[in-house]
């Protein structure tokens, strides 16, 4: 089963657009200097700021989730350019809607790798929830996947309620199949 990723929420869209505009504006003096055949020596500072911004935007885009799949006996989170994250059902302790996290990243954020550029990506430390791992794009449609011996995975399928129901049903069916095979 395939579930599409929810579109970027307003906060993430604004942060992403703002950083892209900032990087573009920082490159304008270099463009004008090139067009006017001026020296570029004094333009190193804006370029030195714009290039890491462009790299961060590119890496964040590549790490963004592109689809959530329930296949076989695992949950697969496909990403744009990076390898897929695979979570076997036997490592999933539970799955539920994560509506209390809807105010992330505005409240309770203690640490975050990427709180808004092309979504919410990477390890986060949230007060009072502790450590979680986000691969989400929309805080209104968050789903928490509790994992054994790992921080919970927070994702955002477009049809989040249907996703929770489908994953729960598939995990239950897989557990029943394993039990049926063990009895024989």
Protein backbone atom coordinates (compact mmCIF):
# COMPACT_ATOMS: atom_id res chain seq x y z
CA UNK A 1 0.00 0.00 0.00
CA UNK A 2 1.26 3.45 -0.90
CA UNK A 3 0.48 6.64 0.98
CA UNK A 4 1.44 10.02 -0.40
CA UNK A 5 3.28 12.57 1.70
CA UNK A 6 1.24 15.51 2.99
CA UNK A 7 2.07 18.85 1.34
CA UNK A 8 4.29 21.27 3.23
CA UNK A 9 2.43 23.16 5.93
CA UNK A 10 2.44 26.97 5.95
CA UNK A 11 5.35 27.24 8.40
CA UNK A 12 7.64 24.87 6.45
CA UNK A 13 6.71 26.50 3.15
CA UNK A 14 7.56 29.96 4.53
CA UNK A 15 10.87 28.83 6.04
CA UNK A 16 11.88 27.05 2.82
CA UNK A 17 10.91 29.98 0.62
CA UNK A 18 12.60 32.46 2.94
CA UNK A 19 15.91 30.59 2.92
CA UNK A 20 15.80 30.20 -0.85
CA UNK A 21 15.16 33.93 -1.29
CA UNK A 22 17.93 34.80 1.16
CA UNK A 23 20.44 32.67 -0.73
CA UNK A 24 19.34 34.17 -4.03
CA UNK A 25 19.58 37.72 -2.72
CA UNK A 26 23.07 37.06 -1.37
CA UNK A 27 24.17 36.00 -4.86
CA UNK A 28 22.83 39.15 -6.58
CA UNK A 29 25.93 41.30 -5.86
CA UNK A 30 28.08 38.61 -7.46
CA UNK A 31 25.85 38.63 -10.55
CA UNK A 32 26.00 42.42 -10.82
CA UNK A 33 29.78 42.43 -10.35
CA UNK A 34 30.15 39.84 -13.09
CA UNK A 35 27.92 41.81 -15.46
CA UNK A 36 29.82 45.05 -14.77
CA UNK A 37 33.28 43.43 -14.94
CA UNK A 38 34.13 44.54 -11.40
CA UNK A 39 36.47 42.92 -8.89
CA UNK A 40 34.97 40.08 -6.91
CA UNK A 41 37.21 40.20 -3.83
CA UNK A 42 34.74 41.97 -1.57
CA UNK A 43 31.94 39.62 -2.60
CA UNK A 44 33.42 36.59 -0.86
CA UNK A 45 31.35 37.10 2.31
CA UNK A 46 27.87 36.95 0.71
CA UNK A 47 28.97 34.00 -1.42
CA UNK A 48 30.44 32.24 1.63
CA UNK A 49 27.02 32.53 3.30
CA UNK A 50 24.94 31.69 0.21
CA UNK A 51 26.77 28.49 -0.74
CA UNK A 52 26.21 26.68 2.60
CA UNK A 53 22.56 27.78 2.45
CA UNK A 54 22.25 26.28 -1.04
CA UNK A 55 23.93 23.08 0.13
CA UNK A 56 21.61 22.81 3.14
CA UNK A 57 18.55 23.40 0.93
CA UNK A 58 19.73 20.74 -1.52
CA UNK A 59 20.45 18.15 1.19
CA UNK A 60 17.14 18.86 2.91
CA UNK A 61 15.27 18.40 -0.36
CA UNK A 62 17.06 15.11 -0.99
CA UNK A 63 16.22 13.80 2.49
CA UNK A 64 12.54 14.77 2.29
CA UNK A 65 10.09 11.87 2.37
CA UNK A 66 8.45 11.18 -0.99
CA UNK A 67 6.14 8.26 -0.10
CA UNK A 68 5.20 5.95 2.77
CA UNK A 69 4.82 2.30 1.78
CA UNK A 70 3.44 -0.67 3.69
CA UNK A 71 4.90 -3.64 1.88
CA UNK A 72 5.58 -7.18 2.99
CA UNK A 73 6.28 -7.02 6.69
CA UNK A 74 7.81 -3.56 6.85
CA UNK A 75 7.09 0.13 6.70
CA UNK A 76 9.20 1.86 4.04
CA UNK A 77 9.75 5.61 3.99
CA UNK A 78 10.99 6.57 0.53
CA UNK A 79 13.03 9.72 0.27
CA UNK A 80 13.77 11.83 -2.78
CA UNK A 81 17.51 11.16 -3.22
CA UNK A 82 18.55 9.28 -0.10
CA UNK A 83 18.10 5.60 0.59
CA UNK A 84 14.73 4.46 1.89
CA UNK A 85 14.22 4.01 5.62
CA UNK A 86 12.87 0.52 6.35
CA UNK A 87 11.20 -0.39 9.63
CA UNK A 88 10.26 -4.09 10.01
CA UNK A 89 6.94 -4.75 11.72
CA UNK A 90 8.65 -6.68 14.53
CA UNK A 91 10.47 -3.45 15.49
CA UNK A 92 7.24 -1.40 15.60
CA UNK A 93 5.70 -1.26 19.07
CA UNK A 94 2.69 0.82 18.02
CA UNK A 95 1.32 3.46 15.70
CA UNK A 96 -0.99 6.38 16.44
CA UNK A 97 -1.89 9.91 15.45
CA UNK A 98 0.51 12.43 16.96
CA UNK A 99 -1.82 15.41 17.35
CA UNK A 100 -0.08 16.71 20.52
CA UNK A 101 2.97 17.43 18.37
CA UNK A 102 1.02 19.75 16.03
CA UNK A 103 2.64 22.86 17.53
CA UNK A 104 6.15 21.70 16.62
CA UNK A 105 8.51 23.50 16.12
CA UNK A 106 7.06 26.52 17.88
CA UNK A 107 6.83 24.99 21.37
CA UNK A 108 8.85 22.48 23.31
CA UNK A 109 11.76 22.32 20.86
CA UNK A 110 15.09 21.68 22.59
CA UNK A 111 17.12 20.44 19.63
CA UNK A 112 16.35 19.91 15.97
CA UNK A 113 18.37 19.03 12.91
CA UNK A 114 15.98 20.66 10.43
CA UNK A 115 12.86 22.32 11.84
CA UNK A 116 11.19 23.56 8.66
CA UNK A 117 13.27 23.47 5.47
CA UNK A 118 11.36 21.13 3.13
CA UNK A 119 9.63 19.78 6.21
CA UNK A 120 10.83 18.54 9.57
CA UNK A 121 13.76 16.18 9.15
CA UNK A 122 16.14 14.36 11.44
CA UNK A 123 16.52 13.94 15.18
CA UNK A 124 14.56 16.27 17.47
CA UNK A 125 14.48 16.64 21.23
CA UNK A 126 11.05 17.77 22.35
CA UNK A 127 10.00 18.80 25.81
CA UNK A 128 8.23 16.82 27.43
CA UNK A 129 8.32 13.95 24.86
CA UNK A 130 12.06 13.34 24.61
CA UNK A 131 13.89 12.22 21.50
CA UNK A 132 12.02 11.58 18.24
CA UNK A 133 13.04 11.23 14.59
CA UNK A 134 11.05 13.31 12.09
CA UNK A 135 10.52 12.61 8.40
CA UNK A 136 7.43 14.81 8.14
CA UNK A 137 6.18 17.70 6.03
CA UNK A 138 2.97 18.80 7.72
CA UNK A 139 2.40 19.18 11.46
CA UNK A 140 -1.39 18.90 11.12
CA UNK A 141 -1.09 15.29 9.85
CA UNK A 142 1.53 13.74 12.11
CA UNK A 143 1.67 10.02 12.83
CA UNK A 144 3.94 8.50 15.50
CA UNK A 145 5.46 5.09 14.88
CA UNK A 146 6.89 3.76 18.16
CA UNK A 147 9.99 1.62 17.55
CA UNK A 148 11.81 -0.79 19.85
CA UNK A 149 15.13 0.54 21.15
CA UNK A 150 14.97 3.54 18.78
CA UNK A 151 13.37 6.98 19.01
CA UNK A 152 9.80 7.15 17.68
CA UNK A 153 9.49 7.92 13.99
CA UNK A 154 7.21 10.88 13.23
CA UNK A 155 5.85 10.99 9.68
CA UNK A 156 3.05 12.86 7.88
CA UNK A 157 1.05 10.90 5.31
CA UNK A 158 -1.57 12.91 3.44
CA UNK A 159 -4.33 10.52 4.60
CA UNK A 160 -2.98 10.08 8.11
CA UNK A 161 -6.03 8.39 9.66
CA UNK A 162 -6.21 5.82 6.84
CA UNK A 163 -2.47 5.23 7.20
CA UNK A 164 -2.76 4.46 10.91
CA UNK A 165 -5.64 2.08 10.25
CA UNK A 166 -3.87 0.34 7.34
CA UNK A 167 -0.58 -0.08 9.22
CA UNK A 168 -2.35 -1.40 12.32
CA UNK A 169 -4.36 -3.89 10.26
CA UNK A 170 -1.30 -5.05 8.31
CA UNK A 171 0.79 -5.47 11.47
CA UNK A 172 -2.03 -7.46 13.08
CA UNK A 173 -2.39 -9.68 10.00
CA UNK A 174 1.38 -10.27 9.86
CA UNK A 175 1.44 -11.20 13.57
CA UNK A 176 -1.46 -13.61 13.07
CA UNK A 177 0.34 -15.21 10.10
CA UNK A 178 3.47 -15.69 12.22
CA UNK A 179 1.42 -17.22 15.02
CA UNK A 180 -0.39 -19.51 12.57
CA UNK A 181 2.94 -20.63 11.11
CA UNK A 182 4.39 -21.25 14.58
CA UNK A 183 1.50 -23.57 15.55
CA UNK A 184 2.05 -25.89 12.59
